[in-house]
């Protein structure tokens, strides 16, 4: 272990652990990230496959499962500065096929869909109050992208008082460097980053 790694381990080695009543959130798994012709394409088929396995375990444990997407008014009047800054968000105007669910992720009648306009699944949505009303104390995050909406949701989840877990194989990004850097930072300060195998074993134990 290097001096820097030792410093981080000493300062940020605390584990958040798991809660008593978790919920699973799948962040922004939409078609644009899987279509090579789209600006958003990220090559994250393995990420989705992992998230679907975690989702199956969450359903088997009868836990709340929430899917998020980004949807804007056809004239983007609700897009704000985020829409102005990030050009690919044009694919999330209402009705654009790039904002549809990808193959394999058809929502079920027992899943809640939260549509948002900003990076965090919590900002400007009913997610926090819904989870609180359900008695949830622990949020498990999967989704896209690690450095964007996953990270923003992770920080807000912790800030709203939820134990937070990020599933390493079930989050993805367009580039390995921001992906790994943000996993490192989230694990240091805001959440536990755990493997798919570890989170499925936990869900099966409930």
Protein backbone atom coordinates (compact mmCIF):
# COMPACT_ATOMS: atom_id res chain seq x y z
CA UNK A 1 0.00 0.00 0.00
CA UNK A 2 1.37 3.41 -0.98
CA UNK A 3 1.51 6.36 1.40
CA UNK A 4 -1.48 7.97 -0.33
CA UNK A 5 -3.52 4.76 -0.21
CA UNK A 6 -2.65 4.37 3.47
CA UNK A 7 -3.73 7.96 4.12
CA UNK A 8 -7.08 7.34 2.41
CA UNK A 9 -7.60 4.07 4.26
CA UNK A 10 -6.96 5.83 7.58
CA UNK A 11 -9.18 8.81 6.78
CA UNK A 12 -11.97 7.13 4.81
CA UNK A 13 -11.91 3.45 5.75
CA UNK A 14 -15.29 3.50 7.47
CA UNK A 15 -17.97 1.14 6.15
CA UNK A 16 -21.63 2.20 5.89
CA UNK A 17 -22.88 -1.38 5.94
CA UNK A 18 -26.34 -2.55 4.96
CA UNK A 19 -29.72 -1.45 6.26
CA UNK A 20 -32.80 -3.30 7.48
CA UNK A 21 -35.13 -2.33 4.63
CA UNK A 22 -33.42 -1.62 1.29
CA UNK A 23 -34.75 -0.40 -2.02
CA UNK A 24 -33.13 -0.79 -5.44
CA UNK A 25 -32.79 2.14 -7.84
CA UNK A 26 -31.88 1.65 -11.53
CA UNK A 27 -30.72 5.02 -12.83
CA UNK A 28 -31.29 6.08 -16.44
CA UNK A 29 -30.88 2.78 -18.26
CA UNK A 30 -32.24 4.12 -21.56
CA UNK A 31 -31.74 3.23 -25.21
CA UNK A 32 -29.35 6.08 -26.04
CA UNK A 33 -26.55 4.51 -24.02
CA UNK A 34 -26.87 1.28 -26.02
CA UNK A 35 -27.19 2.66 -29.57
CA UNK A 36 -23.81 3.19 -31.32
CA UNK A 37 -25.38 5.89 -33.50
CA UNK A 38 -26.26 8.02 -30.47
CA UNK A 39 -23.95 10.59 -28.84
CA UNK A 40 -24.70 8.96 -25.50
CA UNK A 41 -23.45 5.50 -26.49
CA UNK A 42 -21.36 4.03 -23.69
CA UNK A 43 -20.90 0.33 -24.47
CA UNK A 44 -22.50 -0.74 -21.20
CA UNK A 45 -24.31 -3.97 -22.08
CA UNK A 46 -22.51 -5.81 -19.26
CA UNK A 47 -23.60 -3.08 -16.83
CA UNK A 48 -27.24 -3.58 -17.71
CA UNK A 49 -26.90 -7.36 -17.45
CA UNK A 50 -25.51 -6.99 -13.94
CA UNK A 51 -28.27 -4.57 -12.92
CA UNK A 52 -30.91 -6.97 -14.21
CA UNK A 53 -29.50 -9.76 -12.05
CA UNK A 54 -29.59 -7.48 -9.01
CA UNK A 55 -33.13 -6.46 -9.95
CA UNK A 56 -34.19 -10.11 -10.07
CA UNK A 57 -32.79 -10.66 -6.58
CA UNK A 58 -34.55 -7.52 -5.31
CA UNK A 59 -37.89 -8.73 -6.69
CA UNK A 60 -37.34 -12.16 -5.14
CA UNK A 61 -36.84 -10.41 -1.79
CA UNK A 62 -40.02 -8.35 -2.41
CA UNK A 63 -38.17 -5.04 -2.16
CA UNK A 64 -39.17 -1.73 -3.74
CA UNK A 65 -37.62 -1.29 -7.20
CA UNK A 66 -37.45 2.16 -8.77
CA UNK A 67 -36.44 3.00 -12.35
CA UNK A 68 -35.47 6.53 -13.31
CA UNK A 69 -35.27 8.26 -16.65
CA UNK A 70 -34.78 11.80 -17.91
CA UNK A 71 -37.72 13.37 -19.73
CA UNK A 72 -38.06 16.97 -20.94
CA UNK A 73 -40.96 18.99 -22.26
CA UNK A 74 -40.90 18.91 -26.10
CA UNK A 75 -39.61 22.51 -26.06
CA UNK A 76 -37.21 21.83 -23.15
CA UNK A 77 -38.78 24.55 -21.03
CA UNK A 78 -38.05 22.46 -17.94
CA UNK A 79 -34.43 21.72 -18.91
CA UNK A 80 -32.76 24.66 -17.21
CA UNK A 81 -29.00 25.10 -17.15
CA UNK A 82 -28.38 21.35 -17.34
CA UNK A 83 -30.06 21.13 -20.75
CA UNK A 84 -28.20 24.25 -21.91
CA UNK A 85 -24.83 22.81 -20.91
CA UNK A 86 -25.11 19.15 -21.90
CA UNK A 87 -25.87 18.82 -25.61
CA UNK A 88 -26.78 15.07 -25.58
CA UNK A 89 -29.76 15.83 -23.34
CA UNK A 90 -31.67 16.67 -26.53
CA UNK A 91 -32.23 12.93 -26.84
CA UNK A 92 -34.41 13.07 -23.75
CA UNK A 93 -37.06 15.37 -25.17
CA UNK A 94 -40.41 13.62 -24.67
CA UNK A 95 -41.03 11.01 -27.35
CA UNK A 96 -37.44 10.59 -28.55
CA UNK A 97 -36.73 6.86 -29.02
CA UNK A 98 -33.30 7.24 -27.39
CA UNK A 99 -35.09 7.88 -24.11
CA UNK A 100 -36.97 4.58 -24.27
CA UNK A 101 -36.12 1.57 -22.11
CA UNK A 102 -33.54 -0.75 -23.71
CA UNK A 103 -34.28 -4.35 -24.58
CA UNK A 104 -34.46 -6.45 -21.44
CA UNK A 105 -35.57 -3.64 -19.14
CA UNK A 106 -39.30 -3.47 -19.57
CA UNK A 107 -40.77 -2.02 -16.34
CA UNK A 108 -43.15 -4.26 -14.43
CA UNK A 109 -46.39 -3.21 -12.78
CA UNK A 110 -44.69 -3.51 -9.39
CA UNK A 111 -41.94 -1.01 -10.24
CA UNK A 112 -42.08 2.73 -9.77
CA UNK A 113 -40.83 5.02 -12.55
CA UNK A 114 -39.41 8.40 -11.52
CA UNK A 115 -38.81 10.89 -14.34
CA UNK A 116 -36.30 13.62 -13.65
CA UNK A 117 -34.74 16.65 -15.33
CA UNK A 118 -31.44 16.88 -13.46
CA UNK A 119 -28.63 14.44 -12.61
CA UNK A 120 -29.77 13.26 -9.19
CA UNK A 121 -32.69 10.86 -8.87
CA UNK A 122 -33.61 12.82 -5.74
CA UNK A 123 -33.44 16.42 -6.95
CA UNK A 124 -36.88 17.82 -7.75
CA UNK A 125 -38.56 14.40 -7.50
CA UNK A 126 -40.68 12.52 -4.95
CA UNK A 127 -38.09 9.77 -4.49
CA UNK A 128 -36.89 10.66 -0.98
CA UNK A 129 -40.39 11.10 0.44
CA UNK A 130 -41.61 7.91 -1.26
CA UNK A 131 -38.74 5.86 0.18
CA UNK A 132 -39.28 7.37 3.63
CA UNK A 133 -43.00 6.58 3.50
CA UNK A 134 -42.13 2.97 2.60
CA UNK A 135 -39.85 2.73 5.63
CA UNK A 136 -36.73 2.32 3.51
CA UNK A 137 -33.42 2.99 5.27
CA UNK A 138 -30.99 1.72 2.62
CA UNK A 139 -30.69 2.63 -1.08
CA UNK A 140 -28.90 0.34 -3.53
CA UNK A 141 -27.78 2.17 -6.67
CA UNK A 142 -27.20 0.80 -10.15
CA UNK A 143 -27.23 2.68 -13.44
CA UNK A 144 -25.68 5.21 -15.76
CA UNK A 145 -23.42 7.03 -15.72
CA UNK A 146 -21.05 6.52 -12.80
CA UNK A 147 -19.54 9.99 -13.00
CA UNK A 148 -22.86 11.73 -13.68
CA UNK A 149 -26.28 10.71 -12.49
CA UNK A 150 -25.08 7.81 -10.32
CA UNK A 151 -22.67 10.00 -8.40
CA UNK A 152 -25.21 12.82 -8.01
CA UNK A 153 -27.82 10.34 -6.77
CA UNK A 154 -25.30 8.75 -4.40
CA UNK A 155 -24.46 12.07 -2.74
CA UNK A 156 -28.14 13.01 -2.43
CA UNK A 157 -29.10 9.57 -1.11
CA UNK A 158 -26.57 9.90 1.69
CA UNK A 159 -27.59 13.52 2.27
CA UNK A 160 -31.23 12.46 2.70
CA UNK A 161 -30.18 10.05 5.43
CA UNK A 162 -30.17 6.74 3.57
CA UNK A 163 -27.44 4.13 3.94
CA UNK A 164 -26.17 3.95 0.38
CA UNK A 165 -24.59 1.14 -1.63
CA UNK A 166 -23.25 1.32 -5.19
CA UNK A 167 -22.96 -1.97 -7.08
CA UNK A 168 -19.65 -1.90 -8.95
CA UNK A 169 -20.53 -4.09 -11.94
CA UNK A 170 -24.01 -2.57 -12.24
CA UNK A 171 -22.88 1.02 -12.85
CA UNK A 172 -21.07 2.16 -15.97
CA UNK A 173 -19.57 5.08 -17.84
CA UNK A 174 -18.22 5.99 -21.27
CA UNK A 175 -14.62 6.03 -20.06
CA UNK A 176 -12.84 3.88 -17.50
CA UNK A 177 -10.95 6.76 -15.84
CA UNK A 178 -13.98 8.79 -14.61
CA UNK A 179 -15.75 5.52 -13.81
CA UNK A 180 -12.98 4.33 -11.50
CA UNK A 181 -12.28 7.77 -10.03
CA UNK A 182 -15.90 8.26 -9.05
CA UNK A 183 -16.24 4.75 -7.63
CA UNK A 184 -13.15 5.47 -5.52
CA UNK A 185 -14.53 8.78 -4.28
CA UNK A 186 -18.04 7.53 -3.58
CA UNK A 187 -16.63 4.60 -1.62
CA UNK A 188 -14.38 6.95 0.35
CA UNK A 189 -17.02 9.47 1.40
CA UNK A 190 -20.63 8.68 0.63
CA UNK A 191 -21.37 4.99 0.17
CA UNK A 192 -20.01 1.47 0.10
CA UNK A 193 -19.07 0.22 -3.35
CA UNK A 194 -19.67 -3.54 -3.37
CA UNK A 195 -19.60 -6.33 -5.93
CA UNK A 196 -22.66 -7.77 -7.62
CA UNK A 197 -22.04 -11.07 -5.84
CA UNK A 198 -21.95 -9.37 -2.44
CA UNK A 199 -25.18 -7.43 -2.94
CA UNK A 200 -27.03 -10.46 -4.30
CA UNK A 201 -25.92 -12.55 -1.33
CA UNK A 202 -27.20 -9.81 0.99
CA UNK A 203 -30.56 -9.63 -0.83
CA UNK A 204 -30.91 -13.40 -0.69
CA UNK A 205 -30.33 -13.28 3.07
CA UNK A 206 -33.28 -11.00 3.71
